[in-house]
PDB file of N, CA and C in Angstrom:
ATOM      1  N   MET A   1      79.657 -57.957-208.050  1.00  0.00           N
ATOM      2  CA  MET A   1      79.140 -58.197-209.291  1.00  0.00           C
ATOM      3  C   MET A   1      77.902 -58.802-209.175  1.00  0.00           C
ATOM      4  N   LEU A   2      77.046 -58.376-210.250  1.00  0.00           N
ATOM      5  CA  LEU A   2      75.710 -58.911-210.334  1.00  0.00           C
ATOM      6  C   LEU A   2      75.650 -60.252-211.033  1.00  0.00           C
ATOM      7  N   HIS A   3      75.055 -61.333-210.345  1.00  0.00           N
ATOM      8  CA  HIS A   3      75.077 -62.671-211.345  1.00  0.00           C
ATOM      9  C   HIS A   3      73.535 -62.832-211.367  1.00  0.00           C
ATOM     10  N   PRO A   4      72.887 -63.125-212.291  1.00  0.00           N
ATOM     11  CA  PRO A   4      73.579 -63.016-213.691  1.00  0.00           C
ATOM     12  C   PRO A   4      73.853 -61.473-214.009  1.00  0.00           C
ATOM     13  N   SER A   5      74.739 -61.304-215.189  1.00  0.00           N
ATOM     14  CA  SER A   5      74.829 -59.968-215.538  1.00  0.00           C
ATOM     15  C   SER A   5      73.692 -59.215-216.313  1.00  0.00           C
ATOM     16  N   TYR A   6      73.907 -57.771-216.444  1.00  0.00           N
ATOM     17  CA  TYR A   6      73.000 -57.088-216.961  1.00  0.00           C
ATOM     18  C   TYR A   6      72.781 -57.632-218.434  1.00  0.00           C
ATOM     19  N   ALA A   7      73.853 -57.782-218.978  1.00  0.00           N
ATOM     20  CA  ALA A   7      73.616 -58.242-220.546  1.00  0.00           C
ATOM     21  C   ALA A   7      72.779 -59.523-220.603  1.00  0.00           C
ATOM     22  N   ASP A   8      73.058 -60.519-219.629  1.00  0.00           N
ATOM     23  CA  ASP A   8      72.152 -61.699-219.724  1.00  0.00           C
ATOM     24  C   ASP A   8      70.683 -61.427-219.479  1.00  0.00           C
ATOM     25  N   LEU A   9      70.564 -60.545-218.479  1.00  0.00           N
ATOM     26  CA  LEU A   9      69.280 -60.154-218.202  1.00  0.00           C
ATOM     27  C   LEU A   9      68.438 -59.570-219.391  1.00  0.00           C
ATOM     28  N   MET A  10      69.169 -58.682-219.952  1.00  0.00           N
ATOM     29  CA  MET A  10      68.671 -57.959-221.154  1.00  0.00           C
ATOM     30  C   MET A  10      68.237 -59.068-222.225  1.00  0.00           C
ATOM     31  N   LYS A  11      68.940 -60.055-222.524  1.00  0.00           N
ATOM     32  CA  LYS A  11      68.860 -61.122-223.423  1.00  0.00           C
ATOM     33  C   LYS A  11      67.623 -61.990-223.138  1.00  0.00           C
ATOM     34  N   VAL A  12      67.298 -62.293-221.739  1.00  0.00           N
ATOM     35  CA  VAL A  12      66.176 -62.865-221.307  1.00  0.00           C
ATOM     36  C   VAL A  12      64.978 -62.223-221.687  1.00  0.00           C
ATOM     37  N   VAL A  13      64.989 -60.833-221.272  1.00  0.00           N
ATOM     38  CA  VAL A  13      63.701 -59.963-221.460  1.00  0.00           C
ATOM     39  C   VAL A  13      63.514 -59.632-222.965  1.00  0.00           C
ATOM     40  N   ASN A  14      64.413 -59.660-223.729  1.00  0.00           N
ATOM     41  CA  ASN A  14      64.281 -59.404-225.092  1.00  0.00           C
ATOM     42  C   ASN A  14      64.203 -60.659-225.940  1.00  0.00           C
ATOM     43  N   SER A  15      64.193 -61.919-225.382  1.00  0.00           N
ATOM     44  CA  SER A  15      64.195 -63.055-226.014  1.00  0.00           C
ATOM     45  C   SER A  15      62.873 -63.222-226.739  1.00  0.00           C
ATOM     46  N   GLU A  16      61.845 -62.818-226.385  1.00  0.00           N
ATOM     47  CA  GLU A  16      60.477 -62.977-227.072  1.00  0.00           C
ATOM     48  C   GLU A  16      60.241 -61.934-228.242  1.00  0.00           C
ATOM     49  N   VAL A  17      61.112 -60.981-228.329  1.00  0.00           N
ATOM     50  CA  VAL A  17      61.055 -59.931-229.415  1.00  0.00           C
ATOM     51  C   VAL A  17      61.373 -60.666-230.738  1.00  0.00           C
ATOM     52  N   GLU A  18      60.504 -60.354-231.612  1.00  0.00           N
ATOM     53  CA  GLU A  18      60.724 -60.807-233.150  1.00  0.00           C
ATOM     54  C   GLU A  18      61.792 -59.972-233.860  1.00  0.00           C
ATOM     55  N   ALA A  19      62.625 -60.763-234.723  1.00  0.00           N
ATOM     56  CA  ALA A  19      63.745 -59.988-235.395  1.00  0.00           C
ATOM     57  C   ALA A  19      63.115 -58.850-236.177  1.00  0.00           C
ATOM     58  N   GLY A  20      63.935 -57.709-235.841  1.00  0.00           N
ATOM     59  CA  GLY A  20      63.524 -56.422-236.559  1.00  0.00           C
ATOM     60  C   GLY A  20      62.540 -55.646-235.846  1.00  0.00           C
ATOM     61  N   ASP A  21      61.939 -56.087-234.743  1.00  0.00           N
ATOM     62  CA  ASP A  21      61.194 -55.302-233.722  1.00  0.00           C
ATOM     63  C   ASP A  21      62.031 -54.581-232.658  1.00  0.00           C
ATOM     64  N   THR A  22      61.487 -53.478-232.177  1.00  0.00           N
ATOM     65  CA  THR A  22      62.217 -52.769-231.156  1.00  0.00           C
ATOM     66  C   THR A  22      62.236 -53.542-229.839  1.00  0.00           C
ATOM     67  N   PRO A  23      63.435 -53.840-229.427  1.00  0.00           N
ATOM     68  CA  PRO A  23      63.770 -54.558-228.086  1.00  0.00           C
ATOM     69  C   PRO A  23      62.938 -53.837-226.891  1.00  0.00           C
ATOM     70  N   VAL A  24      62.401 -54.684-225.996  1.00  0.00           N
ATOM     71  CA  VAL A  24      61.648 -54.163-224.896  1.00  0.00           C
ATOM     72  C   VAL A  24      62.587 -53.282-223.828  1.00  0.00           C
ATOM     73  N   VAL A  25      63.859 -53.984-223.762  1.00  0.00           N
ATOM     74  CA  VAL A  25      64.849 -53.293-222.835  1.00  0.00           C
ATOM     75  C   VAL A  25      66.038 -52.691-223.743  1.00  0.00           C
ATOM     76  N   ASN A  26      66.517 -51.749-223.438  1.00  0.00           N
ATOM     77  CA  ASN A  26      67.549 -51.102-224.320  1.00  0.00           C
ATOM     78  C   ASN A  26      68.867 -50.641-223.323  1.00  0.00           C
ATOM     79  N   SER A  27      68.418 -50.647-222.046  1.00  0.00           N
ATOM     80  CA  SER A  27      69.623 -50.101-221.232  1.00  0.00           C
ATOM     81  C   SER A  27      69.485 -50.947-219.856  1.00  0.00           C
ATOM     82  N   ARG A  28      70.596 -50.827-219.163  1.00  0.00           N
ATOM     83  CA  ARG A  28      70.879 -51.342-217.760  1.00  0.00           C
ATOM     84  C   ARG A  28      69.689 -50.508-216.796  1.00  0.00           C
ATOM     85  N   TYR A  29      69.436 -49.338-217.138  1.00  0.00           N
ATOM     86  CA  TYR A  29      68.542 -48.582-216.425  1.00  0.00           C
ATOM     87  C   TYR A  29      67.212 -49.265-216.190  1.00  0.00           C
ATOM     88  N   SER A  30      66.442 -49.704-217.368  1.00  0.00           N
ATOM     89  CA  SER A  30      65.498 -50.459-217.500  1.00  0.00           C
ATOM     90  C   SER A  30      65.332 -51.738-216.564  1.00  0.00           C
ATOM     91  N   ILE A  31      66.571 -52.529-216.589  1.00  0.00           N
ATOM     92  CA  ILE A  31      66.652 -53.672-215.783  1.00  0.00           C
ATOM     93  C   ILE A  31      66.599 -53.279-214.264  1.00  0.00           C
ATOM     94  N   VAL A  32      67.366 -52.185-213.911  1.00  0.00           N
ATOM     95  CA  VAL A  32      67.368 -51.907-212.707  1.00  0.00           C
ATOM     96  C   VAL A  32      65.933 -51.235-211.970  1.00  0.00           C
ATOM     97  N   MET A  33      65.201 -50.702-212.903  1.00  0.00           N
ATOM     98  CA  MET A  33      63.943 -49.998-212.498  1.00  0.00           C
ATOM     99  C   MET A  33      63.003 -51.161-212.484  1.00  0.00           C
ATOM    100  N   ALA A  34      63.096 -52.163-213.287  1.00  0.00           N
ATOM    101  CA  ALA A  34      62.099 -53.403-213.139  1.00  0.00           C
ATOM    102  C   ALA A  34      62.325 -54.165-211.840  1.00  0.00           C
ATOM    103  N   THR A  35      63.537 -54.328-211.616  1.00  0.00           N
ATOM    104  CA  THR A  35      63.792 -55.178-210.553  1.00  0.00           C
ATOM    105  C   THR A  35      63.517 -54.455-209.257  1.00  0.00           C
ATOM    106  N   SER A  36      63.887 -53.315-209.216  1.00  0.00           N
ATOM    107  CA  SER A  36      63.494 -52.517-207.869  1.00  0.00           C
ATOM    108  C   SER A  36      62.133 -52.339-207.570  1.00  0.00           C
ATOM    109  N   LYS A  37      61.404 -52.102-208.768  1.00  0.00           N
ATOM    110  CA  LYS A  37      59.824 -52.128-208.518  1.00  0.00           C
ATOM    111  C   LYS A  37      59.419 -53.307-208.053  1.00  0.00           C
ATOM    112  N   ARG A  38      59.958 -54.513-208.450  1.00  0.00           N
ATOM    113  CA  ARG A  38      59.480 -55.848-208.048  1.00  0.00           C
ATOM    114  C   ARG A  38      59.892 -56.072-206.671  1.00  0.00           C
ATOM    115  N   ALA A  39      61.122 -55.675-206.365  1.00  0.00           N
ATOM    116  CA  ALA A  39      61.618 -55.842-204.991  1.00  0.00           C
ATOM    117  C   ALA A  39      60.745 -54.955-204.024  1.00  0.00           C
ATOM    118  N   ARG A  40      60.219 -53.867-204.352  1.00  0.00           N
ATOM    119  CA  ARG A  40      59.296 -53.145-203.441  1.00  0.00           C
ATOM    120  C   ARG A  40      57.980 -53.849-203.403  1.00  0.00           C
ATOM    121  N   GLN A  41      57.448 -54.452-204.337  1.00  0.00           N
ATOM    122  CA  GLN A  41      56.218 -55.157-204.386  1.00  0.00           C
ATOM    123  C   GLN A  41      56.330 -56.473-203.316  1.00  0.00           C
ATOM    124  N   ILE A  42      57.546 -57.148-203.384  1.00  0.00           N
ATOM    125  CA  ILE A  42      57.913 -58.143-202.559  1.00  0.00           C
ATOM    126  C   ILE A  42      57.831 -57.551-201.061  1.00  0.00           C
ATOM    127  N   ILE A  43      58.590 -56.457-200.934  1.00  0.00           N
ATOM    128  CA  ILE A  43      58.574 -55.902-199.483  1.00  0.00           C
ATOM    129  C   ILE A  43      57.205 -55.593-199.000  1.00  0.00           C
ATOM    130  N   ASP A  44      56.398 -55.119-199.792  1.00  0.00           N
ATOM    131  CA  ASP A  44      54.890 -54.701-199.509  1.00  0.00           C
ATOM    132  C   ASP A  44      54.008 -55.936-199.291  1.00  0.00           C
ATOM    133  N   GLY A  45      54.602 -57.227-199.342  1.00  0.00           N
ATOM    134  CA  GLY A  45      53.847 -58.283-199.232  1.00  0.00           C
ATOM    135  C   GLY A  45      53.491 -59.432-200.234  1.00  0.00           C
ATOM    136  N   SER A  46      53.794 -58.974-201.646  1.00  0.00           N
ATOM    137  CA  SER A  46      53.761 -59.857-202.713  1.00  0.00           C
ATOM    138  C   SER A  46      54.253 -61.212-202.396  1.00  0.00           C
ATOM    139  N   ASP A  47      53.896 -62.217-202.903  1.00  0.00           N
ATOM    140  CA  ASP A  47      54.372 -63.571-202.659  1.00  0.00           C
ATOM    141  C   ASP A  47      55.457 -63.774-203.808  1.00  0.00           C
ATOM    142  N   PRO A  48      56.686 -64.178-203.404  1.00  0.00           N
ATOM    143  CA  PRO A  48      57.912 -64.418-204.385  1.00  0.00           C
ATOM    144  C   PRO A  48      57.323 -65.522-205.381  1.00  0.00           C
ATOM    145  N   LEU A  49      57.883 -65.425-206.781  1.00  0.00           N
ATOM    146  CA  LEU A  49      57.421 -66.325-207.728  1.00  0.00           C
ATOM    147  C   LEU A  49      58.462 -67.426-207.863  1.00  0.00           C
ATOM    148  N   ILE A  50      59.343 -67.511-206.961  1.00  0.00           N
ATOM    149  CA  ILE A  50      60.482 -68.584-207.189  1.00  0.00           C
ATOM    150  C   ILE A  50      60.385 -69.442-205.943  1.00  0.00           C
ATOM    151  N   GLU A  51      61.174 -70.716-206.230  1.00  0.00           N
ATOM    152  CA  GLU A  51      61.022 -71.509-204.940  1.00  0.00           C
ATOM    153  C   GLU A  51      62.322 -71.017-204.344  1.00  0.00           C
ATOM    154  N   ASN A  52      62.479 -71.528-203.060  1.00  0.00           N
ATOM    155  CA  ASN A  52      63.591 -71.285-202.049  1.00  0.00           C
ATOM    156  C   ASN A  52      63.885 -69.749-201.898  1.00  0.00           C
ATOM    157  N   ALA A  53      62.833 -68.929-201.760  1.00  0.00           N
ATOM    158  CA  ALA A  53      63.110 -67.642-201.568  1.00  0.00           C
ATOM    159  C   ALA A  53      63.394 -67.191-200.201  1.00  0.00           C
ATOM    160  N   ALA A  54      63.078 -68.073-199.269  1.00  0.00           N
ATOM    161  CA  ALA A  54      63.187 -67.692-197.776  1.00  0.00           C
ATOM    162  C   ALA A  54      64.699 -67.525-197.659  1.00  0.00           C
ATOM    163  N   GLY A  55      64.827 -66.422-196.944  1.00  0.00           N
ATOM    164  CA  GLY A  55      66.280 -66.006-196.441  1.00  0.00           C
ATOM    165  C   GLY A  55      67.013 -65.181-197.460  1.00  0.00           C
ATOM    166  N   LYS A  56      66.356 -65.015-198.740  1.00  0.00           N
ATOM    167  CA  LYS A  56      66.875 -64.058-199.666  1.00  0.00           C
ATOM    168  C   LYS A  56      66.517 -62.598-199.641  1.00  0.00           C
ATOM    169  N   LYS A  57      67.204 -61.700-200.008  1.00  0.00           N
ATOM    170  CA  LYS A  57      66.792 -60.320-199.940  1.00  0.00           C
ATOM    171  C   LYS A  57      65.770 -60.137-201.073  1.00  0.00           C
ATOM    172  N   PRO A  58      64.888 -59.144-201.031  1.00  0.00           N
ATOM    173  CA  PRO A  58      63.886 -58.999-202.022  1.00  0.00           C
ATOM    174  C   PRO A  58      64.427 -58.502-203.495  1.00  0.00           C
ATOM    175  N   LEU A  59      65.646 -57.887-203.502  1.00  0.00           N
ATOM    176  CA  LEU A  59      66.171 -57.635-204.791  1.00  0.00           C
ATOM    177  C   LEU A  59      66.840 -58.950-205.467  1.00  0.00           C
ATOM    178  N   SER A  60      67.394 -59.661-204.621  1.00  0.00           N
ATOM    179  CA  SER A  60      67.833 -60.863-205.163  1.00  0.00           C
ATOM    180  C   SER A  60      66.786 -61.765-205.719  1.00  0.00           C
ATOM    181  N   ILE A  61      65.678 -61.945-204.971  1.00  0.00           N
ATOM    182  CA  ILE A  61      64.287 -62.547-205.556  1.00  0.00           C
ATOM    183  C   ILE A  61      63.842 -61.922-206.907  1.00  0.00           C
ATOM    184  N   ALA A  62      63.925 -60.573-206.935  1.00  0.00           N
ATOM    185  CA  ALA A  62      63.280 -60.079-208.159  1.00  0.00           C
ATOM    186  C   ALA A  62      64.208 -60.322-209.398  1.00  0.00           C
ATOM    187  N   VAL A  63      65.583 -60.402-209.079  1.00  0.00           N
ATOM    188  CA  VAL A  63      66.593 -60.611-210.183  1.00  0.00           C
ATOM    189  C   VAL A  63      66.320 -62.010-210.547  1.00  0.00           C
ATOM    190  N   GLU A  64      66.059 -62.835-209.848  1.00  0.00           N
ATOM    191  CA  GLU A  64      65.911 -64.307-210.151  1.00  0.00           C
ATOM    192  C   GLU A  64      64.779 -64.511-210.807  1.00  0.00           C
ATOM    193  N   GLU A  65      63.808 -63.809-210.354  1.00  0.00           N
ATOM    194  CA  GLU A  65      62.281 -64.071-210.943  1.00  0.00           C
ATOM    195  C   GLU A  65      62.590 -63.430-212.605  1.00  0.00           C
ATOM    196  N   LEU A  66      63.174 -62.414-212.683  1.00  0.00           N
ATOM    197  CA  LEU A  66      63.479 -61.967-214.140  1.00  0.00           C
ATOM    198  C   LEU A  66      64.183 -62.767-214.903  1.00  0.00           C
ATOM    199  N   GLU A  67      65.240 -63.357-214.432  1.00  0.00           N
ATOM    200  CA  GLU A  67      66.024 -64.408-215.038  1.00  0.00           C
ATOM    201  C   GLU A  67      65.222 -65.419-215.386  1.00  0.00           C
ATOM    202  N   GLN A  68      64.411 -66.011-214.594  1.00  0.00           N
ATOM    203  CA  GLN A  68      63.713 -67.286-214.811  1.00  0.00           C
ATOM    204  C   GLN A  68      62.478 -66.932-215.685  1.00  0.00           C
ATOM    205  N   SER A  69      62.248 -65.753-216.172  1.00  0.00           N
ATOM    206  CA  SER A  69      60.974 -65.251-217.036  1.00  0.00           C
ATOM    207  C   SER A  69      59.705 -65.357-216.059  1.00  0.00           C
ATOM    208  N   ARG A  70      59.726 -65.347-214.838  1.00  0.00           N
ATOM    209  CA  ARG A  70      58.627 -65.380-213.943  1.00  0.00           C
ATOM    210  C   ARG A  70      57.949 -63.921-213.985  1.00  0.00           C
ATOM    211  N   ILE A  71      58.522 -62.942-214.279  1.00  0.00           N
ATOM    212  CA  ILE A  71      58.031 -61.531-214.444  1.00  0.00           C
ATOM    213  C   ILE A  71      58.575 -61.075-215.651  1.00  0.00           C
ATOM    214  N   HIS A  72      57.801 -60.126-216.292  1.00  0.00           N
ATOM    215  CA  HIS A  72      57.966 -59.580-217.641  1.00  0.00           C
ATOM    216  C   HIS A  72      58.015 -58.100-217.510  1.00  0.00           C
ATOM    217  N   ILE A  73      58.927 -57.457-218.362  1.00  0.00           N
ATOM    218  CA  ILE A  73      58.888 -56.060-218.406  1.00  0.00           C
ATOM    219  C   ILE A  73      58.113 -55.566-219.669  1.00  0.00           C
ATOM    220  N   LEU A  74      57.033 -54.841-219.435  1.00  0.00           N
ATOM    221  CA  LEU A  74      56.183 -54.255-220.455  1.00  0.00           C
ATOM    222  C   LEU A  74      56.790 -53.307-221.275  1.00  0.00           C
ATOM    223  N   SER A  75      56.647 -53.205-222.575  1.00  0.00           N
ATOM    224  CA  SER A  75      57.040 -52.280-223.500  1.00  0.00           C
ATOM    225  C   SER A  75      55.989 -50.943-223.300  1.00  0.00           C
ATOM    226  N   ASP A  76      56.390 -49.920-223.731  1.00  0.00           N
ATOM    227  CA  ASP A  76      55.448 -48.651-223.826  1.00  0.00           C
ATOM    228  C   ASP A  76      54.262 -49.025-224.523  1.00  0.00           C
ATOM    229  N   GLU A  77      53.967 -49.781-225.413  1.00  0.00           N
ATOM    230  CA  GLU A  77      53.033 -50.055-226.144  1.00  0.00           C
ATOM    231  C   GLU A  77      52.041 -50.942-225.465  1.00  0.00           C
ATOM    232  N   GLU A  78      52.706 -51.917-224.683  1.00  0.00           N
ATOM    233  CA  GLU A  78      51.708 -52.940-223.847  1.00  0.00           C
ATOM    234  C   GLU A  78      51.150 -52.246-222.548  1.00  0.00           C
ATOM    235  N   GLU A  79      51.828 -51.271-222.191  1.00  0.00           N
ATOM    236  CA  GLU A  79      51.193 -50.647-220.896  1.00  0.00           C
ATOM    237  C   GLU A  79      49.946 -49.855-221.128  1.00  0.00           C
TER     238      GLU A  79
END
């Protein structure tokens, strides 16, 4: 089981969206794609944006970064 859950991660990502606006993330797929992309960046040498990352797997680091709002998923309009 993933901790935090997909639903919790979706709430974090969409927390900055104004009421009535389209959410940035609508599905688990978006969470999976964002965290896997960030994990690949970490594997390729990017520095982790969280403390105590030593010994953790890149995907775990990416999920924790997303949960702590250290990384953001851009909407189609922002890209």
